[in-house]
PDB file of N, CA and C in Angstrom:
ATOM      1  N   UNK A   1       2.141 -19.890 -22.826  1.00  0.00           N
ATOM      2  CA  UNK A   1       0.666 -19.659 -22.551  1.00  0.00           C
ATOM      3  C   UNK A   1       0.639 -18.096 -22.648  1.00  0.00           C
ATOM      4  N   UNK A   2      -0.534 -17.807 -23.390  1.00  0.00           N
ATOM      5  CA  UNK A   2      -1.034 -16.263 -23.377  1.00  0.00           C
ATOM      6  C   UNK A   2      -1.785 -15.973 -22.016  1.00  0.00           C
ATOM      7  N   UNK A   3      -1.506 -14.976 -21.603  1.00  0.00           N
ATOM      8  CA  UNK A   3      -2.307 -14.624 -20.141  1.00  0.00           C
ATOM      9  C   UNK A   3      -3.424 -13.788 -20.585  1.00  0.00           C
ATOM     10  N   UNK A   4      -4.593 -14.178 -20.331  1.00  0.00           N
ATOM     11  CA  UNK A   4      -5.948 -13.426 -20.433  1.00  0.00           C
ATOM     12  C   UNK A   4      -5.865 -12.229 -19.898  1.00  0.00           C
ATOM     13  N   UNK A   5      -6.170 -10.972 -20.626  1.00  0.00           N
ATOM     14  CA  UNK A   5      -5.963  -9.558 -20.098  1.00  0.00           C
ATOM     15  C   UNK A   5      -6.887  -9.429 -18.711  1.00  0.00           C
ATOM     16  N   UNK A   6      -8.198 -10.151 -18.749  1.00  0.00           N
ATOM     17  CA  UNK A   6      -9.124  -9.932 -17.772  1.00  0.00           C
ATOM     18  C   UNK A   6      -8.636 -10.567 -16.515  1.00  0.00           C
ATOM     19  N   UNK A   7      -7.511 -11.477 -16.693  1.00  0.00           N
ATOM     20  CA  UNK A   7      -7.122 -12.136 -15.272  1.00  0.00           C
ATOM     21  C   UNK A   7      -5.907 -11.230 -14.853  1.00  0.00           C
ATOM     22  N   UNK A   8      -5.310 -10.330 -15.487  1.00  0.00           N
ATOM     23  CA  UNK A   8      -4.247  -9.512 -15.152  1.00  0.00           C
ATOM     24  C   UNK A   8      -4.746  -8.439 -14.268  1.00  0.00           C
ATOM     25  N   UNK A   9      -4.316  -8.082 -12.864  1.00  0.00           N
ATOM     26  CA  UNK A   9      -4.653  -7.228 -11.974  1.00  0.00           C
ATOM     27  C   UNK A   9      -3.636  -6.115 -12.151  1.00  0.00           C
ATOM     28  N   UNK A  10      -4.195  -4.843 -12.494  1.00  0.00           N
ATOM     29  CA  UNK A  10      -3.304  -3.729 -12.543  1.00  0.00           C
ATOM     30  C   UNK A  10      -2.873  -3.222 -11.110  1.00  0.00           C
ATOM     31  N   UNK A  11      -1.512  -2.862 -10.964  1.00  0.00           N
ATOM     32  CA  UNK A  11      -0.894  -2.396  -9.522  1.00  0.00           C
ATOM     33  C   UNK A  11      -1.165  -0.805  -9.522  1.00  0.00           C
ATOM     34  N   UNK A  12      -1.453  -0.452  -8.504  1.00  0.00           N
ATOM     35  CA  UNK A  12      -1.826   1.016  -8.286  1.00  0.00           C
ATOM     36  C   UNK A  12      -0.362   1.644  -8.340  1.00  0.00           C
ATOM     37  N   UNK A  13      -0.245   2.796  -8.995  1.00  0.00           N
ATOM     38  CA  UNK A  13       0.926   3.455  -9.318  1.00  0.00           C
ATOM     39  C   UNK A  13       1.401   4.127  -7.954  1.00  0.00           C
ATOM     40  N   UNK A  14       2.533   4.411  -7.428  1.00  0.00           N
ATOM     41  CA  UNK A  14       2.880   5.133  -6.107  1.00  0.00           C
ATOM     42  C   UNK A  14       2.176   6.293  -6.101  1.00  0.00           C
ATOM     43  N   UNK A  15       1.849   7.250  -7.006  1.00  0.00           N
ATOM     44  CA  UNK A  15       1.067   8.601  -6.768  1.00  0.00           C
ATOM     45  C   UNK A  15      -0.126   8.232  -6.298  1.00  0.00           C
ATOM     46  N   UNK A  16      -0.919   7.117  -6.847  1.00  0.00           N
ATOM     47  CA  UNK A  16      -2.293   6.800  -6.318  1.00  0.00           C
ATOM     48  C   UNK A  16      -2.268   6.495  -4.949  1.00  0.00           C
ATOM     49  N   UNK A  17      -1.190   5.603  -4.450  1.00  0.00           N
ATOM     50  CA  UNK A  17      -1.044   5.143  -2.954  1.00  0.00           C
ATOM     51  C   UNK A  17      -0.913   6.467  -2.139  1.00  0.00           C
ATOM     52  N   UNK A  18      -0.177   7.445  -2.591  1.00  0.00           N
ATOM     53  CA  UNK A  18       0.057   8.715  -1.991  1.00  0.00           C
ATOM     54  C   UNK A  18      -1.298   9.390  -1.909  1.00  0.00           C
ATOM     55  N   UNK A  19      -1.978   9.429  -2.876  1.00  0.00           N
ATOM     56  CA  UNK A  19      -3.364   9.914  -3.008  1.00  0.00           C
ATOM     57  C   UNK A  19      -4.407   9.435  -2.050  1.00  0.00           C
ATOM     58  N   UNK A  20      -4.244   8.078  -1.749  1.00  0.00           N
ATOM     59  CA  UNK A  20      -5.127   7.560  -0.836  1.00  0.00           C
ATOM     60  C   UNK A  20      -4.727   8.011   0.348  1.00  0.00           C
ATOM     61  N   UNK A  21      -3.480   8.122   1.059  1.00  0.00           N
ATOM     62  CA  UNK A  21      -3.339   8.485   2.285  1.00  0.00           C
ATOM     63  C   UNK A  21      -3.829  10.016   2.284  1.00  0.00           C
ATOM     64  N   UNK A  22      -3.983  11.067   1.164  1.00  0.00           N
ATOM     65  CA  UNK A  22      -4.391  12.160   1.242  1.00  0.00           C
ATOM     66  C   UNK A  22      -6.053  12.177   1.844  1.00  0.00           C
ATOM     67  N   UNK A  23      -6.542  11.260   0.930  1.00  0.00           N
ATOM     68  CA  UNK A  23      -8.165  10.940   0.963  1.00  0.00           C
ATOM     69  C   UNK A  23      -8.402  10.612   2.304  1.00  0.00           C
ATOM     70  N   UNK A  24      -7.603   9.508   2.985  1.00  0.00           N
ATOM     71  CA  UNK A  24      -7.710   9.301   4.431  1.00  0.00           C
ATOM     72  C   UNK A  24      -7.493  10.278   5.257  1.00  0.00           C
ATOM     73  N   UNK A  25      -6.935  11.501   4.916  1.00  0.00           N
ATOM     74  CA  UNK A  25      -6.532  12.279   5.837  1.00  0.00           C
ATOM     75  C   UNK A  25      -5.428  11.982   6.709  1.00  0.00           C
ATOM     76  N   UNK A  26      -4.578  11.165   6.019  1.00  0.00           N
ATOM     77  CA  UNK A  26      -3.292  10.836   6.749  1.00  0.00           C
ATOM     78  C   UNK A  26      -2.140  11.878   6.403  1.00  0.00           C
ATOM     79  N   UNK A  27      -2.431  12.572   5.428  1.00  0.00           N
ATOM     80  CA  UNK A  27      -1.543  13.647   4.895  1.00  0.00           C
ATOM     81  C   UNK A  27      -1.942  15.090   5.214  1.00  0.00           C
ATOM     82  N   UNK A  28      -1.085  15.876   5.862  1.00  0.00           N
ATOM     83  CA  UNK A  28      -1.224  17.168   6.148  1.00  0.00           C
ATOM     84  C   UNK A  28      -0.175  18.117   5.140  1.00  0.00           C
ATOM     85  N   UNK A  29      -0.657  19.264   5.104  1.00  0.00           N
ATOM     86  CA  UNK A  29      -0.151  20.336   4.022  1.00  0.00           C
ATOM     87  C   UNK A  29       1.242  20.397   4.081  1.00  0.00           C
ATOM     88  N   UNK A  30       1.915  20.314   5.466  1.00  0.00           N
ATOM     89  CA  UNK A  30       3.322  20.296   5.674  1.00  0.00           C
ATOM     90  C   UNK A  30       4.096  18.930   5.850  1.00  0.00           C
ATOM     91  N   UNK A  31       3.550  17.954   5.523  1.00  0.00           N
ATOM     92  CA  UNK A  31       3.878  16.505   5.432  1.00  0.00           C
ATOM     93  C   UNK A  31       4.972  16.252   4.349  1.00  0.00           C
ATOM     94  N   UNK A  32       5.950  15.504   4.596  1.00  0.00           N
ATOM     95  CA  UNK A  32       6.438  15.149   3.321  1.00  0.00           C
ATOM     96  C   UNK A  32       6.728  13.402   3.247  1.00  0.00           C
ATOM     97  N   UNK A  33       6.563  12.882   2.261  1.00  0.00           N
ATOM     98  CA  UNK A  33       6.683  11.620   1.932  1.00  0.00           C
ATOM     99  C   UNK A  33       8.154  11.258   1.768  1.00  0.00           C
ATOM    100  N   UNK A  34       8.815  10.490   2.789  1.00  0.00           N
ATOM    101  CA  UNK A  34      10.196  10.593   2.818  1.00  0.00           C
ATOM    102  C   UNK A  34      10.946   9.046   2.366  1.00  0.00           C
ATOM    103  N   UNK A  35       9.988   8.143   2.098  1.00  0.00           N
ATOM    104  CA  UNK A  35      10.285   7.194   1.586  1.00  0.00           C
ATOM    105  C   UNK A  35       9.010   6.261   0.921  1.00  0.00           C
ATOM    106  N   UNK A  36       9.569   5.726  -0.215  1.00  0.00           N
ATOM    107  CA  UNK A  36       8.453   5.023  -1.096  1.00  0.00           C
ATOM    108  C   UNK A  36       9.069   3.461  -1.812  1.00  0.00           C
ATOM    109  N   UNK A  37       8.496   2.530  -1.278  1.00  0.00           N
ATOM    110  CA  UNK A  37       9.202   1.211  -1.621  1.00  0.00           C
ATOM    111  C   UNK A  37       8.031   0.349  -2.216  1.00  0.00           C
ATOM    112  N   UNK A  38       8.115  -0.601  -3.168  1.00  0.00           N
ATOM    113  CA  UNK A  38       7.247  -1.482  -3.497  1.00  0.00           C
ATOM    114  C   UNK A  38       7.561  -2.976  -2.995  1.00  0.00           C
ATOM    115  N   UNK A  39       6.876  -3.678  -2.563  1.00  0.00           N
ATOM    116  CA  UNK A  39       7.265  -4.880  -2.350  1.00  0.00           C
ATOM    117  C   UNK A  39       5.895  -5.996  -2.171  1.00  0.00           C
ATOM    118  N   UNK A  40       6.233  -7.040  -1.501  1.00  0.00           N
ATOM    119  CA  UNK A  40       5.268  -8.098  -1.098  1.00  0.00           C
ATOM    120  C   UNK A  40       5.180  -8.134   0.421  1.00  0.00           C
ATOM    121  N   UNK A  41       4.076  -7.723   1.219  1.00  0.00           N
ATOM    122  CA  UNK A  41       3.927  -7.838   2.604  1.00  0.00           C
ATOM    123  C   UNK A  41       2.715  -8.769   2.992  1.00  0.00           C
ATOM    124  N   UNK A  42       3.150  -8.963   4.380  1.00  0.00           N
ATOM    125  CA  UNK A  42       1.881  -9.727   4.960  1.00  0.00           C
ATOM    126  C   UNK A  42       1.009  -8.582   5.624  1.00  0.00           C
ATOM    127  N   UNK A  43      -0.013  -8.459   4.840  1.00  0.00           N
ATOM    128  CA  UNK A  43      -0.860  -7.351   5.251  1.00  0.00           C
ATOM    129  C   UNK A  43      -2.093  -7.699   6.035  1.00  0.00           C
ATOM    130  N   UNK A  44      -2.527  -9.204   5.934  1.00  0.00           N
ATOM    131  CA  UNK A  44      -3.684  -9.735   6.742  1.00  0.00           C
ATOM    132  C   UNK A  44      -3.368 -11.002   7.334  1.00  0.00           C
ATOM    133  N   UNK A  45      -2.824 -11.115   8.579  1.00  0.00           N
ATOM    134  CA  UNK A  45      -2.632 -12.269   9.315  1.00  0.00           C
ATOM    135  C   UNK A  45      -3.797 -12.744   9.457  1.00  0.00           C
ATOM    136  N   UNK A  46      -4.325 -14.156   9.014  1.00  0.00           N
ATOM    137  CA  UNK A  46      -5.688 -14.686   9.095  1.00  0.00           C
ATOM    138  C   UNK A  46      -5.777 -15.408  10.603  1.00  0.00           C
ATOM    139  N   UNK A  47      -6.849 -15.435  11.192  1.00  0.00           N
ATOM    140  CA  UNK A  47      -6.894 -16.117  12.481  1.00  0.00           C
ATOM    141  C   UNK A  47      -6.449 -17.846  12.445  1.00  0.00           C
ATOM    142  N   UNK A  48      -6.482 -18.086  11.178  1.00  0.00           N
ATOM    143  CA  UNK A  48      -5.972 -19.526  11.133  1.00  0.00           C
ATOM    144  C   UNK A  48      -4.527 -19.573  11.234  1.00  0.00           C
ATOM    145  N   UNK A  49      -3.724 -18.711  11.240  1.00  0.00           N
ATOM    146  CA  UNK A  49      -2.340 -18.666  11.439  1.00  0.00           C
ATOM    147  C   UNK A  49      -1.611 -18.477   9.907  1.00  0.00           C
ATOM    148  N   UNK A  50      -2.577 -18.609   9.042  1.00  0.00           N
ATOM    149  CA  UNK A  50      -2.130 -18.305   7.700  1.00  0.00           C
ATOM    150  C   UNK A  50      -1.965 -16.939   7.238  1.00  0.00           C
ATOM    151  N   UNK A  51      -0.823 -16.461   6.639  1.00  0.00           N
ATOM    152  CA  UNK A  51      -0.561 -14.989   6.285  1.00  0.00           C
ATOM    153  C   UNK A  51      -0.870 -14.839   4.679  1.00  0.00           C
ATOM    154  N   UNK A  52      -1.453 -13.905   4.464  1.00  0.00           N
ATOM    155  CA  UNK A  52      -1.619 -13.638   3.022  1.00  0.00           C
ATOM    156  C   UNK A  52      -0.655 -12.387   2.658  1.00  0.00           C
ATOM    157  N   UNK A  53       0.163 -12.769   1.654  1.00  0.00           N
ATOM    158  CA  UNK A  53       1.058 -11.870   1.011  1.00  0.00           C
ATOM    159  C   UNK A  53       0.410 -10.996  -0.155  1.00  0.00           C
ATOM    160  N   UNK A  54       0.667  -9.668   0.019  1.00  0.00           N
ATOM    161  CA  UNK A  54      -0.073  -9.054  -1.055  1.00  0.00           C
ATOM    162  C   UNK A  54       1.028  -8.081  -1.597  1.00  0.00           C
ATOM    163  N   UNK A  55       0.882  -7.497  -2.737  1.00  0.00           N
ATOM    164  CA  UNK A  55       1.704  -6.466  -3.211  1.00  0.00           C
ATOM    165  C   UNK A  55       1.288  -5.025  -2.575  1.00  0.00           C
ATOM    166  N   UNK A  56       2.228  -4.187  -2.135  1.00  0.00           N
ATOM    167  CA  UNK A  56       1.918  -3.093  -1.401  1.00  0.00           C
ATOM    168  C   UNK A  56       2.910  -2.061  -1.578  1.00  0.00           C
ATOM    169  N   UNK A  57       2.406  -0.752  -1.443  1.00  0.00           N
ATOM    170  CA  UNK A  57       3.375   0.199  -1.326  1.00  0.00           C
ATOM    171  C   UNK A  57       3.687   0.671   0.095  1.00  0.00           C
ATOM    172  N   UNK A  58       4.885   0.476   0.570  1.00  0.00           N
ATOM    173  CA  UNK A  58       5.437   0.871   1.895  1.00  0.00           C
ATOM    174  C   UNK A  58       5.769   2.609   1.679  1.00  0.00           C
ATOM    175  N   UNK A  59       5.103   3.415   2.418  1.00  0.00           N
ATOM    176  CA  UNK A  59       5.235   4.886   2.398  1.00  0.00           C
ATOM    177  C   UNK A  59       5.722   5.065   3.850  1.00  0.00           C
ATOM    178  N   UNK A  60       6.594   5.958   4.032  1.00  0.00           N
ATOM    179  CA  UNK A  60       7.127   6.598   5.074  1.00  0.00           C
ATOM    180  C   UNK A  60       6.751   8.276   5.036  1.00  0.00           C
ATOM    181  N   UNK A  61       6.094   8.905   6.158  1.00  0.00           N
ATOM    182  CA  UNK A  61       5.803  10.349   6.100  1.00  0.00           C
ATOM    183  C   UNK A  61       6.739  10.762   7.291  1.00  0.00           C
ATOM    184  N   UNK A  62       7.391  11.810   6.787  1.00  0.00           N
ATOM    185  CA  UNK A  62       8.282  12.681   7.586  1.00  0.00           C
ATOM    186  C   UNK A  62       9.073  11.745   8.779  1.00  0.00           C
ATOM    187  N   UNK A  63       9.404  10.811   7.900  1.00  0.00           N
ATOM    188  CA  UNK A  63      10.677   9.734   8.492  1.00  0.00           C
ATOM    189  C   UNK A  63      10.080   9.037   9.751  1.00  0.00           C
ATOM    190  N   UNK A  64       8.964   9.250  10.093  1.00  0.00           N
ATOM    191  CA  UNK A  64       8.392   8.516  11.370  1.00  0.00           C
ATOM    192  C   UNK A  64       7.169   7.788  11.197  1.00  0.00           C
ATOM    193  N   UNK A  65       6.381   7.804  10.248  1.00  0.00           N
ATOM    194  CA  UNK A  65       4.882   7.361  10.224  1.00  0.00           C
ATOM    195  C   UNK A  65       4.900   6.434   8.988  1.00  0.00           C
ATOM    196  N   UNK A  66       4.721   5.047   9.257  1.00  0.00           N
ATOM    197  CA  UNK A  66       4.674   3.964   8.475  1.00  0.00           C
ATOM    198  C   UNK A  66       3.349   3.738   7.975  1.00  0.00           C
ATOM    199  N   UNK A  67       3.071   3.582   6.409  1.00  0.00           N
ATOM    200  CA  UNK A  67       1.886   3.174   5.847  1.00  0.00           C
ATOM    201  C   UNK A  67       2.015   2.128   5.016  1.00  0.00           C
ATOM    202  N   UNK A  68       1.184   1.090   4.750  1.00  0.00           N
ATOM    203  CA  UNK A  68       1.276   0.211   3.642  1.00  0.00           C
ATOM    204  C   UNK A  68      -0.066   0.403   3.037  1.00  0.00           C
ATOM    205  N   UNK A  69       0.192   0.642   1.685  1.00  0.00           N
ATOM    206  CA  UNK A  69      -1.075   0.784   0.983  1.00  0.00           C
ATOM    207  C   UNK A  69      -1.081  -0.450  -0.070  1.00  0.00           C
ATOM    208  N   UNK A  70      -2.246  -1.397  -0.073  1.00  0.00           N
ATOM    209  CA  UNK A  70      -2.518  -2.312  -0.882  1.00  0.00           C
ATOM    210  C   UNK A  70      -2.426  -1.940  -2.279  1.00  0.00           C
ATOM    211  N   UNK A  71      -1.715  -2.618  -3.155  1.00  0.00           N
ATOM    212  CA  UNK A  71      -1.361  -2.081  -4.545  1.00  0.00           C
ATOM    213  C   UNK A  71      -2.279  -2.576  -5.513  1.00  0.00           C
ATOM    214  N   UNK A  72      -3.303  -3.284  -5.002  1.00  0.00           N
ATOM    215  CA  UNK A  72      -4.394  -3.804  -5.844  1.00  0.00           C
ATOM    216  C   UNK A  72      -5.569  -3.032  -5.740  1.00  0.00           C
ATOM    217  N   UNK A  73      -5.966  -3.268  -4.269  1.00  0.00           N
ATOM    218  CA  UNK A  73      -7.368  -2.585  -3.817  1.00  0.00           C
ATOM    219  C   UNK A  73      -7.119  -1.062  -3.189  1.00  0.00           C
ATOM    220  N   UNK A  74      -5.999  -0.818  -2.759  1.00  0.00           N
ATOM    221  CA  UNK A  74      -5.829   0.522  -2.111  1.00  0.00           C
ATOM    222  C   UNK A  74      -6.028   0.982  -0.731  1.00  0.00           C
ATOM    223  N   UNK A  75      -6.400  -0.179   0.034  1.00  0.00           N
ATOM    224  CA  UNK A  75      -6.562   0.069   1.500  1.00  0.00           C
ATOM    225  C   UNK A  75      -5.256   0.400   2.118  1.00  0.00           C
ATOM    226  N   UNK A  76      -5.440   1.271   2.944  1.00  0.00           N
ATOM    227  CA  UNK A  76      -4.437   2.155   3.639  1.00  0.00           C
ATOM    228  C   UNK A  76      -4.418   1.290   5.125  1.00  0.00           C
ATOM    229  N   UNK A  77      -3.159   0.753   5.669  1.00  0.00           N
ATOM    230  CA  UNK A  77      -2.871   0.275   6.762  1.00  0.00           C
ATOM    231  C   UNK A  77      -1.765   1.155   7.654  1.00  0.00           C
ATOM    232  N   UNK A  78      -1.958   1.649   8.732  1.00  0.00           N
ATOM    233  CA  UNK A  78      -1.094   2.423   9.449  1.00  0.00           C
ATOM    234  C   UNK A  78      -0.352   1.461  10.313  1.00  0.00           C
ATOM    235  N   UNK A  79       0.941   1.683  10.331  1.00  0.00           N
ATOM    236  CA  UNK A  79       1.584   0.884  11.384  1.00  0.00           C
ATOM    237  C   UNK A  79       2.026   1.708  12.616  1.00  0.00           C
ATOM    238  N   UNK A  80       1.356   1.269  13.806  1.00  0.00           N
ATOM    239  CA  UNK A  80       1.611   2.299  15.085  1.00  0.00           C
ATOM    240  C   UNK A  80       2.897   1.622  15.722  1.00  0.00           C
TER     241      UNK A  80
END
């Protein structure tokens, strides 16, 4: 089967995920991104108990701040 190009979603490159952290004021000039991983994560636990798995970048800043950036839509989720 041929996949229709309009049905294929582009995944944000890692640099755009990092840029999203910067735009959201989560990166300061002396910060270092110490880990970059790509995977599928449960970003949105629904009230019905169903979990939605989405492609995301897992970024760690200064080895102690974790962020997940949705690789399709670009939302930033900070893990406290």
